[in-house]
Full PDB file with SEQRES, HELIX, SHEET, SSBOND, CRYST1, ORIGX, SCALE, CONECT and MASTER records, all heavy atoms in Angstrom:
SEQRES   1 A   35  TYR ARG ASN TRP PHE GLN TYR ARG ASP PRO MET THR ARG          
SEQRES   2 A   35  GLN LEU ARG SER LEU TRP ARG PRO ALA TYR VAL ASP GLU          
SEQRES   3 A   35  VAL ILE SER LYS PRO ASP LEU SER LYS                          
HELIX    1 AA1 PHE A    5  ARG A    8  5                                   4    
HELIX    2 AA2 THR A   12  LEU A   18  1                                   7    
HELIX    3 AA3 VAL A   24  GLU A   26  5                                   3    
HELIX    4 AA4 LYS A   30  LEU A   33  1                                   4    
CRYST1    1.000    1.000    1.000  90.00  90.00  90.00 P 1           1          
ORIGX1      1.000000  0.000000  0.000000        0.00000                         
ORIGX2      0.000000  1.000000  0.000000        0.00000                         
ORIGX3      0.000000  0.000000  1.000000        0.00000                         
SCALE1      1.000000  0.000000  0.000000        0.00000                         
SCALE2      0.000000  1.000000  0.000000        0.00000                         
SCALE3      0.000000  0.000000  1.000000        0.00000                         
ATOM      1  N   TYR A   1      -0.687  25.245 -12.455  1.00  0.00           N  
ATOM      2  CA  TYR A   1      -1.687  24.899 -11.441  1.00  0.00           C  
ATOM      3  C   TYR A   1      -3.093  25.013 -12.020  1.00  0.00           C  
ATOM      4  O   TYR A   1      -3.929  24.120 -11.835  1.00  0.00           O  
ATOM      5  CB  TYR A   1      -1.567  25.810 -10.216  1.00  0.00           C  
ATOM      6  CG  TYR A   1      -2.582  25.451  -9.138  1.00  0.00           C  
ATOM      7  CD1 TYR A   1      -2.330  24.397  -8.265  1.00  0.00           C  
ATOM      8  CD2 TYR A   1      -3.785  26.127  -9.034  1.00  0.00           C  
ATOM      9  CE1 TYR A   1      -3.260  24.026  -7.309  1.00  0.00           C  
ATOM     10  CE2 TYR A   1      -4.728  25.771  -8.075  1.00  0.00           C  
ATOM     11  CZ  TYR A   1      -4.460  24.723  -7.212  1.00  0.00           C  
ATOM     12  OH  TYR A   1      -5.402  24.350  -6.284  1.00  0.00           O  
ATOM     13  N   ARG A   2      -3.374  26.100 -12.724  1.00  0.00           N  
ATOM     14  CA  ARG A   2      -4.725  26.320 -13.246  1.00  0.00           C  
ATOM     15  C   ARG A   2      -5.105  25.264 -14.292  1.00  0.00           C  
ATOM     16  O   ARG A   2      -6.248  24.803 -14.332  1.00  0.00           O  
ATOM     17  CB  ARG A   2      -4.829  27.717 -13.846  1.00  0.00           C  
ATOM     18  CG  ARG A   2      -4.624  28.830 -12.841  1.00  0.00           C  
ATOM     19  CD  ARG A   2      -4.795  30.193 -13.474  1.00  0.00           C  
ATOM     20  NE  ARG A   2      -6.180  30.463 -13.807  1.00  0.00           N  
ATOM     21  CZ  ARG A   2      -6.594  31.528 -14.480  1.00  0.00           C  
ATOM     22  NH1 ARG A   2      -5.711  32.407 -14.916  1.00  0.00           N  
ATOM     23  NH2 ARG A   2      -7.880  31.709 -14.737  1.00  0.00           N  
ATOM     24  N   ASN A   3      -4.145  24.888 -15.126  1.00  0.00           N  
ATOM     25  CA  ASN A   3      -4.449  23.991 -16.239  1.00  0.00           C  
ATOM     26  C   ASN A   3      -4.378  22.509 -15.887  1.00  0.00           C  
ATOM     27  O   ASN A   3      -5.068  21.690 -16.513  1.00  0.00           O  
ATOM     28  CB  ASN A   3      -3.496  24.259 -17.407  1.00  0.00           C  
ATOM     29  CG  ASN A   3      -3.714  25.622 -18.033  1.00  0.00           C  
ATOM     30  OD1 ASN A   3      -4.755  26.249 -17.853  1.00  0.00           O  
ATOM     31  ND2 ASN A   3      -2.714  26.096 -18.775  1.00  0.00           N  
ATOM     32  N   TRP A   4      -3.543  22.182 -14.886  1.00  0.00           N  
ATOM     33  CA  TRP A   4      -3.280  20.753 -14.645  1.00  0.00           C  
ATOM     34  C   TRP A   4      -3.312  20.363 -13.172  1.00  0.00           C  
ATOM     35  O   TRP A   4      -4.073  19.493 -12.756  1.00  0.00           O  
ATOM     36  CB  TRP A   4      -1.930  20.391 -15.259  1.00  0.00           C  
ATOM     37  CG  TRP A   4      -1.519  18.949 -15.096  1.00  0.00           C  
ATOM     38  CD1 TRP A   4      -0.723  18.424 -14.111  1.00  0.00           C  
ATOM     39  CD2 TRP A   4      -1.900  17.847 -15.933  1.00  0.00           C  
ATOM     40  NE1 TRP A   4      -0.567  17.068 -14.284  1.00  0.00           N  
ATOM     41  CE2 TRP A   4      -1.290  16.686 -15.403  1.00  0.00           C  
ATOM     42  CE3 TRP A   4      -2.703  17.736 -17.069  1.00  0.00           C  
ATOM     43  CZ2 TRP A   4      -1.442  15.430 -15.977  1.00  0.00           C  
ATOM     44  CZ3 TRP A   4      -2.856  16.470 -17.647  1.00  0.00           C  
ATOM     45  CH2 TRP A   4      -2.229  15.342 -17.098  1.00  0.00           C  
ATOM     46  N   PHE A   5      -2.502  21.041 -12.359  1.00  0.00           N  
ATOM     47  CA  PHE A   5      -2.260  20.522 -11.016  1.00  0.00           C  
ATOM     48  C   PHE A   5      -3.410  20.740 -10.042  1.00  0.00           C  
ATOM     49  O   PHE A   5      -3.503  20.017  -9.047  1.00  0.00           O  
ATOM     50  CB  PHE A   5      -0.958  21.104 -10.454  1.00  0.00           C  
ATOM     51  CG  PHE A   5       0.265  20.505 -11.080  1.00  0.00           C  
ATOM     52  CD1 PHE A   5       1.010  21.211 -12.013  1.00  0.00           C  
ATOM     53  CD2 PHE A   5       0.645  19.211 -10.775  1.00  0.00           C  
ATOM     54  CE1 PHE A   5       2.118  20.645 -12.616  1.00  0.00           C  
ATOM     55  CE2 PHE A   5       1.762  18.628 -11.367  1.00  0.00           C  
ATOM     56  CZ  PHE A   5       2.498  19.341 -12.295  1.00  0.00           C  
ATOM     57  N   GLN A   6      -4.285  21.698 -10.276  1.00  0.00           N  
ATOM     58  CA  GLN A   6      -5.409  21.834  -9.345  1.00  0.00           C  
ATOM     59  C   GLN A   6      -6.321  20.608  -9.409  1.00  0.00           C  
ATOM     60  O   GLN A   6      -7.023  20.311  -8.444  1.00  0.00           O  
ATOM     61  CB  GLN A   6      -6.198  23.103  -9.610  1.00  0.00           C  
ATOM     62  CG  GLN A   6      -7.032  23.148 -10.868  1.00  0.00           C  
ATOM     63  CD  GLN A   6      -8.024  24.305 -10.830  1.00  0.00           C  
ATOM     64  OE1 GLN A   6      -8.813  24.437  -9.896  1.00  0.00           O  
ATOM     65  NE2 GLN A   6      -7.953  25.173 -11.836  1.00  0.00           N  
ATOM     66  N   TYR A   7      -6.290  19.897 -10.523  1.00  0.00           N  
ATOM     67  CA  TYR A   7      -7.108  18.693 -10.666  1.00  0.00           C  
ATOM     68  C   TYR A   7      -6.383  17.452 -10.150  1.00  0.00           C  
ATOM     69  O   TYR A   7      -6.948  16.358 -10.135  1.00  0.00           O  
ATOM     70  CB  TYR A   7      -7.495  18.510 -12.135  1.00  0.00           C  
ATOM     71  CG  TYR A   7      -8.150  19.747 -12.721  1.00  0.00           C  
ATOM     72  CD1 TYR A   7      -7.478  20.527 -13.670  1.00  0.00           C  
ATOM     73  CD2 TYR A   7      -9.407  20.158 -12.294  1.00  0.00           C  
ATOM     74  CE1 TYR A   7      -8.066  21.669 -14.198  1.00  0.00           C  
ATOM     75  CE2 TYR A   7      -9.995  21.304 -12.811  1.00  0.00           C  
ATOM     76  CZ  TYR A   7      -9.309  22.055 -13.763  1.00  0.00           C  
ATOM     77  OH  TYR A   7      -9.905  23.204 -14.268  1.00  0.00           O  
ATOM     78  N   ARG A   8      -5.140  17.624  -9.718  1.00  0.00           N  
ATOM     79  CA  ARG A   8      -4.341  16.539  -9.154  1.00  0.00           C  
ATOM     80  C   ARG A   8      -3.809  16.927  -7.769  1.00  0.00           C  
ATOM     81  O   ARG A   8      -2.847  16.360  -7.290  1.00  0.00           O  
ATOM     82  CB  ARG A   8      -3.191  16.192 -10.111  1.00  0.00           C  
ATOM     83  CG  ARG A   8      -3.686  15.503 -11.360  1.00  0.00           C  
ATOM     84  CD  ARG A   8      -2.833  15.744 -12.564  1.00  0.00           C  
ATOM     85  NE  ARG A   8      -3.421  15.084 -13.733  1.00  0.00           N  
ATOM     86  CZ  ARG A   8      -4.391  15.629 -14.474  1.00  0.00           C  
ATOM     87  NH1 ARG A   8      -4.847  16.840 -14.188  1.00  0.00           N  
ATOM     88  NH2 ARG A   8      -4.901  14.971 -15.508  1.00  0.00           N  
ATOM     89  N   ASP A   9      -4.467  17.901  -7.177  1.00  0.00           N  
ATOM     90  CA  ASP A   9      -4.100  18.436  -5.862  1.00  0.00           C  
ATOM     91  C   ASP A   9      -4.655  17.507  -4.783  1.00  0.00           C  
ATOM     92  O   ASP A   9      -5.870  17.339  -4.668  1.00  0.00           O  
ATOM     93  CB  ASP A   9      -4.705  19.842  -5.738  1.00  0.00           C  
ATOM     94  CG  ASP A   9      -4.325  20.547  -4.455  1.00  0.00           C  
ATOM     95  OD1 ASP A   9      -4.067  19.860  -3.453  1.00  0.00           O  
ATOM     96  OD2 ASP A   9      -4.320  21.783  -4.443  1.00  0.00           O  
ATOM     97  N   PRO A  10      -3.774  16.864  -3.983  1.00  0.00           N  
ATOM     98  CA  PRO A  10      -4.253  15.850  -3.033  1.00  0.00           C  
ATOM     99  C   PRO A  10      -4.764  16.397  -1.699  1.00  0.00           C  
ATOM    100  O   PRO A  10      -5.227  15.620  -0.865  1.00  0.00           O  
ATOM    101  CB  PRO A  10      -2.999  15.001  -2.802  1.00  0.00           C  
ATOM    102  CG  PRO A  10      -1.881  16.001  -2.902  1.00  0.00           C  
ATOM    103  CD  PRO A  10      -2.307  16.975  -3.979  1.00  0.00           C  
ATOM    104  N   MET A  11      -4.686  17.747  -1.474  1.00  0.00           N  
ATOM    105  CA  MET A  11      -5.052  18.213  -0.141  1.00  0.00           C  
ATOM    106  C   MET A  11      -5.984  19.418  -0.105  1.00  0.00           C  
ATOM    107  O   MET A  11      -6.631  19.667   0.907  1.00  0.00           O  
ATOM    108  CB  MET A  11      -3.797  18.524   0.684  1.00  0.00           C  
ATOM    109  CG  MET A  11      -3.041  19.768   0.291  1.00  0.00           C  
ATOM    110  SD  MET A  11      -1.846  19.481  -1.009  1.00  0.00           S  
ATOM    111  CE  MET A  11      -1.026  21.062  -1.067  1.00  0.00           C  
ATOM    112  N   THR A  12      -6.079  20.185  -1.199  1.00  0.00           N  
ATOM    113  CA  THR A  12      -6.810  21.449  -1.107  1.00  0.00           C  
ATOM    114  C   THR A  12      -8.297  21.247  -0.842  1.00  0.00           C  
ATOM    115  O   THR A  12      -8.910  22.014  -0.086  1.00  0.00           O  
ATOM    116  CB  THR A  12      -6.596  22.281  -2.389  1.00  0.00           C  
ATOM    117  OG1 THR A  12      -5.208  22.605  -2.481  1.00  0.00           O  
ATOM    118  CG2 THR A  12      -7.396  23.564  -2.348  1.00  0.00           C  
ATOM    119  N   ARG A  13      -8.909  20.225  -1.422  1.00  0.00           N  
ATOM    120  CA  ARG A  13     -10.338  19.995  -1.171  1.00  0.00           C  
ATOM    121  C   ARG A  13     -10.594  19.730   0.310  1.00  0.00           C  
ATOM    122  O   ARG A  13     -11.553  20.260   0.886  1.00  0.00           O  
ATOM    123  CB  ARG A  13     -10.846  18.823  -2.013  1.00  0.00           C  
ATOM    124  CG  ARG A  13     -12.326  18.509  -1.782  1.00  0.00           C  
ATOM    125  CD  ARG A  13     -12.814  17.408  -2.686  1.00  0.00           C  
ATOM    126  NE  ARG A  13     -12.779  17.802  -4.090  1.00  0.00           N  
ATOM    127  CZ  ARG A  13     -13.163  17.013  -5.094  1.00  0.00           C  
ATOM    128  NH1 ARG A  13     -13.583  15.794  -4.843  1.00  0.00           N  
ATOM    129  NH2 ARG A  13     -13.096  17.444  -6.338  1.00  0.00           N  
ATOM    130  N   GLN A  14      -9.731  18.929   0.927  1.00  0.00           N  
ATOM    131  CA  GLN A  14      -9.901  18.630   2.355  1.00  0.00           C  
ATOM    132  C   GLN A  14      -9.647  19.867   3.215  1.00  0.00           C  
ATOM    133  O   GLN A  14     -10.357  20.101   4.202  1.00  0.00           O  
ATOM    134  CB  GLN A  14      -8.962  17.493   2.768  1.00  0.00           C  
ATOM    135  CG  GLN A  14      -9.285  16.151   2.114  1.00  0.00           C  
ATOM    136  CD  GLN A  14      -8.450  15.930   0.870  1.00  0.00           C  
ATOM    137  OE1 GLN A  14      -8.274  16.834   0.047  1.00  0.00           O  
ATOM    138  NE2 GLN A  14      -7.938  14.709   0.724  1.00  0.00           N  
ATOM    139  N   LEU A  15      -8.625  20.643   2.867  1.00  0.00           N  
ATOM    140  CA  LEU A  15      -8.341  21.866   3.612  1.00  0.00           C  
ATOM    141  C   LEU A  15      -9.488  22.860   3.484  1.00  0.00           C  
ATOM    142  O   LEU A  15      -9.871  23.519   4.448  1.00  0.00           O  
ATOM    143  CB  LEU A  15      -7.036  22.492   3.105  1.00  0.00           C  
ATOM    144  CG  LEU A  15      -5.758  21.754   3.481  1.00  0.00           C  
ATOM    145  CD1 LEU A  15      -4.598  22.218   2.606  1.00  0.00           C  
ATOM    146  CD2 LEU A  15      -5.426  21.969   4.956  1.00  0.00           C  
ATOM    147  N   ARG A  16     -10.046  22.956   2.301  1.00  0.00           N  
ATOM    148  CA  ARG A  16     -11.162  23.868   2.083  1.00  0.00           C  
ATOM    149  C   ARG A  16     -12.372  23.472   2.928  1.00  0.00           C  
ATOM    150  O   ARG A  16     -13.094  24.322   3.447  1.00  0.00           O  
ATOM    151  CB  ARG A  16     -11.534  23.883   0.604  1.00  0.00           C  
ATOM    152  CG  ARG A  16     -12.647  24.860   0.257  1.00  0.00           C  
ATOM    153  CD  ARG A  16     -13.058  24.708  -1.189  1.00  0.00           C  
ATOM    154  NE  ARG A  16     -14.132  25.616  -1.529  1.00  0.00           N  
ATOM    155  CZ  ARG A  16     -14.956  25.443  -2.552  1.00  0.00           C  
ATOM    156  NH1 ARG A  16     -14.824  24.388  -3.325  1.00  0.00           N  
ATOM    157  NH2 ARG A  16     -15.908  26.312  -2.803  1.00  0.00           N  
ATOM    158  N   SER A  17     -12.605  22.176   3.097  1.00  0.00           N  
ATOM    159  CA  SER A  17     -13.772  21.715   3.851  1.00  0.00           C  
ATOM    160  C   SER A  17     -13.689  22.073   5.331  1.00  0.00           C  
ATOM    161  O   SER A  17     -14.699  22.071   6.031  1.00  0.00           O  
ATOM    162  CB  SER A  17     -13.933  20.199   3.700  1.00  0.00           C  
ATOM    163  OG  SER A  17     -12.882  19.501   4.356  1.00  0.00           O  
ATOM    164  N   LEU A  18     -12.485  22.407   5.821  1.00  0.00           N  
ATOM    165  CA  LEU A  18     -12.319  22.773   7.227  1.00  0.00           C  
ATOM    166  C   LEU A  18     -12.799  24.196   7.499  1.00  0.00           C  
ATOM    167  O   LEU A  18     -13.241  24.506   8.608  1.00  0.00           O  
ATOM    168  CB  LEU A  18     -10.849  22.639   7.632  1.00  0.00           C  
ATOM    169  CG  LEU A  18     -10.231  21.241   7.522  1.00  0.00           C  
ATOM    170  CD1 LEU A  18      -8.753  21.305   7.869  1.00  0.00           C  
ATOM    171  CD2 LEU A  18     -10.956  20.258   8.428  1.00  0.00           C  
ATOM    172  N   TRP A  19     -12.643  25.094   6.531  1.00  0.00           N  
ATOM    173  CA  TRP A  19     -13.027  26.508   6.661  1.00  0.00           C  
ATOM    174  C   TRP A  19     -12.406  27.144   7.893  1.00  0.00           C  
ATOM    175  O   TRP A  19     -13.048  27.895   8.621  1.00  0.00           O  
ATOM    176  CB  TRP A  19     -14.549  26.669   6.675  1.00  0.00           C  
ATOM    177  CG  TRP A  19     -15.201  26.211   5.410  1.00  0.00           C  
ATOM    178  CD1 TRP A  19     -16.017  25.132   5.278  1.00  0.00           C  
ATOM    179  CD2 TRP A  19     -15.096  26.797   4.105  1.00  0.00           C  
ATOM    180  NE1 TRP A  19     -16.426  24.990   3.971  1.00  0.00           N  
ATOM    181  CE2 TRP A  19     -15.881  26.006   3.227  1.00  0.00           C  
ATOM    182  CE3 TRP A  19     -14.423  27.906   3.588  1.00  0.00           C  
ATOM    183  CZ2 TRP A  19     -16.007  26.296   1.870  1.00  0.00           C  
ATOM    184  CZ3 TRP A  19     -14.540  28.191   2.238  1.00  0.00           C  
ATOM    185  CH2 TRP A  19     -15.322  27.395   1.395  1.00  0.00           C  
ATOM    186  N   ARG A  20     -11.137  26.860   8.126  1.00  0.00           N  
ATOM    187  CA  ARG A  20     -10.371  27.452   9.231  1.00  0.00           C  
ATOM    188  C   ARG A  20      -8.896  27.342   8.900  1.00  0.00           C  
ATOM    189  O   ARG A  20      -8.498  26.544   8.035  1.00  0.00           O  
ATOM    190  CB  ARG A  20     -10.672  26.729  10.549  1.00  0.00           C  
ATOM    191  CG  ARG A  20     -10.300  25.244  10.547  1.00  0.00           C  
ATOM    192  CD  ARG A  20     -10.376  24.628  11.921  1.00  0.00           C  
ATOM    193  NE  ARG A  20     -10.200  23.181  11.887  1.00  0.00           N  
ATOM    194  CZ  ARG A  20      -9.031  22.549  11.791  1.00  0.00           C  
ATOM    195  NH1 ARG A  20      -7.907  23.262  11.680  1.00  0.00           N  
ATOM    196  NH2 ARG A  20      -8.957  21.237  11.791  1.00  0.00           N  
ATOM    197  N   PRO A  21      -8.049  28.127   9.570  1.00  0.00           N  
ATOM    198  CA  PRO A  21      -6.607  27.978   9.346  1.00  0.00           C  
ATOM    199  C   PRO A  21      -6.146  26.568   9.697  1.00  0.00           C  
ATOM    200  O   PRO A  21      -6.519  26.036  10.750  1.00  0.00           O  
ATOM    201  CB  PRO A  21      -5.994  29.023  10.289  1.00  0.00           C  
ATOM    202  CG  PRO A  21      -7.080  30.032  10.504  1.00  0.00           C  
ATOM    203  CD  PRO A  21      -8.350  29.239  10.498  1.00  0.00           C  
ATOM    204  N   ALA A  22      -5.360  25.967   8.835  1.00  0.00           N  
ATOM    205  CA  ALA A  22      -4.935  24.588   9.073  1.00  0.00           C  
ATOM    206  C   ALA A  22      -3.596  24.321   8.403  1.00  0.00           C  
ATOM    207  O   ALA A  22      -3.279  24.878   7.344  1.00  0.00           O  
ATOM    208  CB  ALA A  22      -5.980  23.606   8.542  1.00  0.00           C  
ATOM    209  N   TYR A  23      -2.817  23.444   9.036  1.00  0.00           N  
ATOM    210  CA  TYR A  23      -1.584  22.972   8.422  1.00  0.00           C  
ATOM    211  C   TYR A  23      -1.937  21.984   7.308  1.00  0.00           C  
ATOM    212  O   TYR A  23      -2.904  21.217   7.428  1.00  0.00           O  
ATOM    213  CB  TYR A  23      -0.711  22.239   9.438  1.00  0.00           C  
ATOM    214  CG  TYR A  23      -0.409  22.976  10.710  1.00  0.00           C  
ATOM    215  CD1 TYR A  23      -1.000  22.589  11.914  1.00  0.00           C  
ATOM    216  CD2 TYR A  23       0.476  24.052  10.740  1.00  0.00           C  
ATOM    217  CE1 TYR A  23      -0.706  23.248  13.099  1.00  0.00           C  
ATOM    218  CE2 TYR A  23       0.767  24.711  11.917  1.00  0.00           C  
ATOM    219  CZ  TYR A  23       0.170  24.305  13.102  1.00  0.00           C  
ATOM    220  OH  TYR A  23       0.449  24.964  14.274  1.00  0.00           O  
ATOM    221  N   VAL A  24      -1.145  21.956   6.253  1.00  0.00           N  
ATOM    222  CA  VAL A  24      -1.331  20.955   5.213  1.00  0.00           C  
ATOM    223  C   VAL A  24      -1.211  19.558   5.808  1.00  0.00           C  
ATOM    224  O   VAL A  24      -1.928  18.620   5.420  1.00  0.00           O  
ATOM    225  CB  VAL A  24      -0.309  21.167   4.078  1.00  0.00           C  
ATOM    226  CG1 VAL A  24      -0.276  19.966   3.136  1.00  0.00           C  
ATOM    227  CG2 VAL A  24      -0.643  22.446   3.293  1.00  0.00           C  
ATOM    228  N   ASP A  25      -0.321  19.406   6.806  1.00  0.00           N  
ATOM    229  CA  ASP A  25      -0.103  18.101   7.442  1.00  0.00           C  
ATOM    230  C   ASP A  25      -1.361  17.542   8.098  1.00  0.00           C  
ATOM    231  O   ASP A  25      -1.436  16.342   8.382  1.00  0.00           O  
ATOM    232  CB  ASP A  25       0.979  18.209   8.525  1.00  0.00           C  
ATOM    233  CG  ASP A  25       2.344  18.526   7.949  1.00  0.00           C  
ATOM    234  OD1 ASP A  25       2.434  18.714   6.729  1.00  0.00           O  
ATOM    235  OD2 ASP A  25       3.313  18.606   8.717  1.00  0.00           O  
ATOM    236  N   GLU A  26      -2.356  18.385   8.357  1.00  0.00           N  
ATOM    237  CA  GLU A  26      -3.585  17.905   8.998  1.00  0.00           C  
ATOM    238  C   GLU A  26      -4.374  16.976   8.089  1.00  0.00           C  
ATOM    239  O   GLU A  26      -5.138  16.138   8.567  1.00  0.00           O  
ATOM    240  CB  GLU A  26      -4.478  19.074   9.416  1.00  0.00           C  
ATOM    241  CG  GLU A  26      -3.966  19.870  10.596  1.00  0.00           C  
ATOM    242  CD  GLU A  26      -4.996  20.887  11.074  1.00  0.00           C  
ATOM    243  OE1 GLU A  26      -6.176  20.520  11.212  1.00  0.00           O  
ATOM    244  OE2 GLU A  26      -4.605  22.043  11.321  1.00  0.00           O  
ATOM    245  N   VAL A  27      -4.229  17.141   6.767  1.00  0.00           N  
ATOM    246  CA  VAL A  27      -5.046  16.353   5.852  1.00  0.00           C  
ATOM    247  C   VAL A  27      -4.231  15.347   5.042  1.00  0.00           C  
ATOM    248  O   VAL A  27      -4.794  14.432   4.450  1.00  0.00           O  
ATOM    249  CB  VAL A  27      -5.850  17.269   4.896  1.00  0.00           C  
ATOM    250  CG1 VAL A  27      -6.793  18.165   5.688  1.00  0.00           C  
ATOM    251  CG2 VAL A  27      -4.934  18.103   4.020  1.00  0.00           C  
ATOM    252  N   ILE A  28      -2.907  15.533   5.001  1.00  0.00           N  
ATOM    253  CA  ILE A  28      -2.049  14.567   4.324  1.00  0.00           C  
ATOM    254  C   ILE A  28      -0.658  14.624   4.951  1.00  0.00           C  
ATOM    255  O   ILE A  28      -0.093  15.701   5.144  1.00  0.00           O  
ATOM    256  CB  ILE A  28      -1.975  14.831   2.800  1.00  0.00           C  
ATOM    257  CG1 ILE A  28      -1.159  13.736   2.100  1.00  0.00           C  
ATOM    258  CG2 ILE A  28      -1.441  16.219   2.491  1.00  0.00           C  
ATOM    259  CD1 ILE A  28      -1.244  13.795   0.573  1.00  0.00           C  
ATOM    260  N   SER A  29      -0.121  13.471   5.287  1.00  0.00           N  
ATOM    261  CA  SER A  29       1.194  13.433   5.927  1.00  0.00           C  
ATOM    262  C   SER A  29       2.278  13.788   4.908  1.00  0.00           C  
ATOM    263  O   SER A  29       2.095  13.627   3.688  1.00  0.00           O  
ATOM    264  CB  SER A  29       1.469  12.043   6.497  1.00  0.00           C  
ATOM    265  OG  SER A  29       1.635  11.099   5.451  1.00  0.00           O  
ATOM    266  N   LYS A  30       3.400  14.269   5.421  1.00  0.00           N  
ATOM    267  CA  LYS A  30       4.499  14.619   4.514  1.00  0.00           C  
ATOM    268  C   LYS A  30       5.001  13.422   3.709  1.00  0.00           C  
ATOM    269  O   LYS A  30       5.282  13.553   2.514  1.00  0.00           O  
ATOM    270  CB  LYS A  30       5.627  15.278   5.299  1.00  0.00           C  
ATOM    271  CG  LYS A  30       5.315  16.722   5.668  1.00  0.00           C  
ATOM    272  CD  LYS A  30       6.529  17.443   6.202  1.00  0.00           C  
ATOM    273  CE  LYS A  30       6.193  18.916   6.441  1.00  0.00           C  
ATOM    274  NZ  LYS A  30       7.330  19.682   6.977  1.00  0.00           N  
ATOM    275  N   PRO A  31       5.139  12.235   4.327  1.00  0.00           N  
ATOM    276  CA  PRO A  31       5.572  11.073   3.517  1.00  0.00           C  
ATOM    277  C   PRO A  31       4.601  10.769   2.386  1.00  0.00           C  
ATOM    278  O   PRO A  31       5.025  10.454   1.264  1.00  0.00           O  
ATOM    279  CB  PRO A  31       5.618   9.938   4.544  1.00  0.00           C  
ATOM    280  CG  PRO A  31       5.886  10.631   5.845  1.00  0.00           C  
ATOM    281  CD  PRO A  31       5.117  11.915   5.767  1.00  0.00           C  
ATOM    282  N   ASP A  32       3.285  10.879   2.650  1.00  0.00           N  
ATOM    283  CA  ASP A  32       2.300  10.607   1.602  1.00  0.00           C  
ATOM    284  C   ASP A  32       2.321  11.696   0.532  1.00  0.00           C  
ATOM    285  O   ASP A  32       2.218  11.406  -0.666  1.00  0.00           O  
ATOM    286  CB  ASP A  32       0.900  10.491   2.200  1.00  0.00           C  
ATOM    287  CG  ASP A  32       0.702   9.198   2.977  1.00  0.00           C  
ATOM    288  OD1 ASP A  32       1.500   8.261   2.775  1.00  0.00           O  
ATOM    289  OD2 ASP A  32      -0.238   9.136   3.789  1.00  0.00           O  
ATOM    290  N   LEU A  33       2.447  12.959   0.976  1.00  0.00           N  
ATOM    291  CA  LEU A  33       2.488  14.059   0.018  1.00  0.00           C  
ATOM    292  C   LEU A  33       3.702  13.942  -0.895  1.00  0.00           C  
ATOM    293  O   LEU A  33       3.621  14.206  -2.096  1.00  0.00           O  
ATOM    294  CB  LEU A  33       2.513  15.394   0.762  1.00  0.00           C  
ATOM    295  CG  LEU A  33       2.582  16.666  -0.099  1.00  0.00           C  
ATOM    296  CD1 LEU A  33       1.368  16.758  -1.019  1.00  0.00           C  
ATOM    297  CD2 LEU A  33       2.692  17.904   0.778  1.00  0.00           C  
ATOM    298  N   SER A  34       4.829  13.526  -0.309  1.00  0.00           N  
ATOM    299  CA  SER A  34       6.076  13.463  -1.085  1.00  0.00           C  
ATOM    300  C   SER A  34       6.035  12.422  -2.201  1.00  0.00           C  
ATOM    301  O   SER A  34       6.880  12.445  -3.106  1.00  0.00           O  
ATOM    302  CB  SER A  34       7.258  13.161  -0.155  1.00  0.00           C  
ATOM    303  OG  SER A  34       7.162  11.856   0.383  1.00  0.00           O  
ATOM    304  N   LYS A  35       5.044  11.537  -2.168  1.00  0.00           N  
ATOM    305  CA  LYS A  35       4.926  10.504  -3.207  1.00  0.00           C  
ATOM    306  C   LYS A  35       4.061  10.961  -4.379  1.00  0.00           C  
ATOM    307  O   LYS A  35       3.948  10.240  -5.377  1.00  0.00           O  
ATOM    308  CB  LYS A  35       4.314   9.231  -2.605  1.00  0.00           C  
ATOM    309  CG  LYS A  35       5.136   8.615  -1.488  1.00  0.00           C  
ATOM    310  CD  LYS A  35       4.370   7.459  -0.842  1.00  0.00           C  
ATOM    311  CE  LYS A  35       5.124   6.913   0.366  1.00  0.00           C  
ATOM    312  NZ  LYS A  35       4.340   5.845   1.068  1.00  0.00           N  
TER     313      LYS A  35                                                      
MASTER        0    0    0    4    0    0    0    6  312    1    0    3          
END                                                                             
């Protein structure tokens, strides 16, 4: 994660911008994430 995947993480930036507890599904759907 530190070396590679944090730079290819499709949802953490959006989740961070909320600054509140949130489901991952709020920023990316499971079908989209699974791809």
